[in-house]
Amino acid sequence: MANVGQSLSVISEEANHPVEVKCYSGFKANERPLSFILHERELSVMDIEGSWFEEDECGRARRICFRVRADDGDLYLLSCAEDTCDWELKRIWRLGSLI
């Protein structure tokens, strides 16, 4: 726990690489991520803190993005291409040691 007046720094890093994601598929495929593999370790998604769609400049390719908190305490930005169902890890916010 930080002392009063002491600030905590959050480490944020771009990842931008493919990632294997296990998903819940209910009404549609890849409805929401349940877990993903990072450095040969499976991380469970504990909470989805936000989700949104992104489109390319031409509006042809669309990705669904999820900002998730994993069981290691860190935040991750996962992105899935709707047309190919390929997942990508876009960003990591290292918070696990701060919690």
Protein backbone atom coordinates (compact mmCIF):
# COMPACT_ATOMS: atom_id res chain seq x y z
CA MET A 1 0.00 0.00 0.00
CA ALA A 2 1.35 3.43 -0.89
CA ASN A 3 1.90 6.11 1.73
CA VAL A 4 -0.30 9.21 1.64
CA GLY A 5 1.15 11.63 -0.87
CA GLN A 6 3.16 8.92 -2.63
CA SER A 7 2.15 8.42 -6.24
CA LEU A 8 1.97 5.07 -7.96
CA SER A 9 3.10 4.71 -11.54
CA VAL A 10 1.32 2.45 -13.97
CA ILE A 11 3.45 0.82 -16.64
CA SER A 12 1.70 0.72 -20.00
CA GLU A 13 3.18 -1.02 -23.00
CA GLU A 14 2.06 -1.71 -26.54
CA ALA A 15 1.98 -5.39 -27.43
CA ASN A 16 0.48 -5.71 -30.94
CA HIS A 17 0.90 -9.45 -31.42
CA PRO A 18 -1.40 -12.41 -32.05
CA VAL A 19 -2.77 -14.15 -28.97
CA GLU A 20 -4.77 -17.32 -28.36
CA VAL A 21 -8.09 -16.54 -26.64
CA LYS A 22 -10.74 -18.87 -25.26
CA CYS A 23 -14.17 -17.30 -25.61
CA TYR A 24 -17.74 -17.63 -24.53
CA SER A 25 -19.86 -18.14 -27.61
CA GLY A 26 -23.56 -17.74 -26.93
CA PHE A 27 -25.70 -15.77 -29.35
CA LYS A 28 -22.66 -15.29 -31.62
CA ALA A 29 -19.10 -16.60 -31.91
CA ASN A 30 -16.38 -14.94 -29.81
CA GLU A 31 -18.97 -13.07 -27.75
CA ARG A 32 -16.53 -12.34 -24.92
CA PRO A 33 -13.08 -13.56 -23.83
CA LEU A 34 -12.81 -16.02 -20.93
CA SER A 35 -9.04 -16.55 -20.88
CA PHE A 36 -5.94 -16.03 -23.01
CA ILE A 37 -2.40 -17.38 -23.28
CA LEU A 38 0.50 -15.03 -22.55
CA HIS A 39 4.09 -16.31 -22.33
CA GLU A 40 2.83 -19.92 -22.15
CA ARG A 41 0.60 -19.08 -19.15
CA GLU A 42 -3.19 -19.10 -19.29
CA LEU A 43 -4.68 -15.99 -17.70
CA SER A 44 -8.36 -15.98 -16.71
CA VAL A 45 -10.45 -12.91 -17.47
CA MET A 46 -11.84 -11.75 -14.13
CA ASP A 47 -13.66 -8.65 -15.40
CA ILE A 48 -14.44 -6.92 -18.69
CA GLU A 49 -13.95 -3.22 -17.96
CA GLY A 50 -15.04 -2.02 -21.39
CA SER A 51 -15.81 -3.12 -24.94
CA TRP A 52 -16.21 -1.28 -28.22
CA PHE A 53 -15.92 -1.63 -32.00
CA GLU A 54 -13.21 -0.14 -34.21
CA GLU A 55 -13.35 0.16 -37.99
CA ASP A 56 -10.60 0.76 -40.51
CA GLU A 57 -10.53 3.99 -42.50
CA CYS A 58 -12.72 2.54 -45.25
CA GLY A 59 -15.22 1.02 -42.85
CA ARG A 60 -14.68 -2.45 -44.33
CA ALA A 61 -12.83 -4.24 -41.53
CA ARG A 62 -14.26 -4.16 -38.04
CA ARG A 63 -12.69 -5.31 -34.76
CA ILE A 64 -14.27 -5.76 -31.38
CA CYS A 65 -12.05 -4.64 -28.52
CA PHE A 66 -12.16 -5.67 -24.87
CA ARG A 67 -10.31 -4.05 -21.99
CA VAL A 68 -10.08 -6.88 -19.45
CA ARG A 69 -8.64 -7.42 -15.99
CA ALA A 70 -6.90 -10.79 -15.72
CA ASP A 71 -6.30 -12.92 -12.64
CA ASP A 72 -2.76 -11.50 -12.36
CA GLY A 73 -4.27 -8.06 -11.59
CA ASP A 74 -3.11 -6.43 -14.85
CA LEU A 75 -5.29 -4.85 -17.56
CA TYR A 76 -5.11 -6.04 -21.16
CA LEU A 77 -6.56 -4.76 -24.42
CA LEU A 78 -7.68 -7.69 -26.58
CA SER A 79 -8.95 -7.16 -30.12
CA CYS A 80 -10.74 -9.61 -32.45
CA ALA A 81 -11.21 -9.20 -36.20
CA GLU A 82 -14.88 -9.91 -36.98
CA ASP A 83 -14.20 -11.34 -40.43
CA THR A 84 -11.36 -13.74 -39.50
CA CYS A 85 -11.85 -14.20 -35.72
CA ASP A 86 -8.12 -13.55 -35.25
CA TRP A 87 -7.26 -12.19 -31.80
CA GLU A 88 -4.53 -9.69 -31.02
CA LEU A 89 -3.13 -8.40 -27.74
CA LYS A 90 -2.84 -4.65 -28.30
CA ARG A 91 -1.77 -3.18 -24.93
CA ILE A 92 -0.87 -4.16 -21.37
CA TRP A 93 -1.23 -2.02 -18.25
CA ARG A 94 0.94 -3.54 -15.50
CA LEU A 95 -1.06 -3.10 -12.31
CA GLY A 96 -0.65 -6.48 -10.59
CA SER A 97 2.04 -5.31 -8.19
CA LEU A 98 0.02 -2.18 -7.28
CA ILE A 99 -3.08 -4.02 -6.05
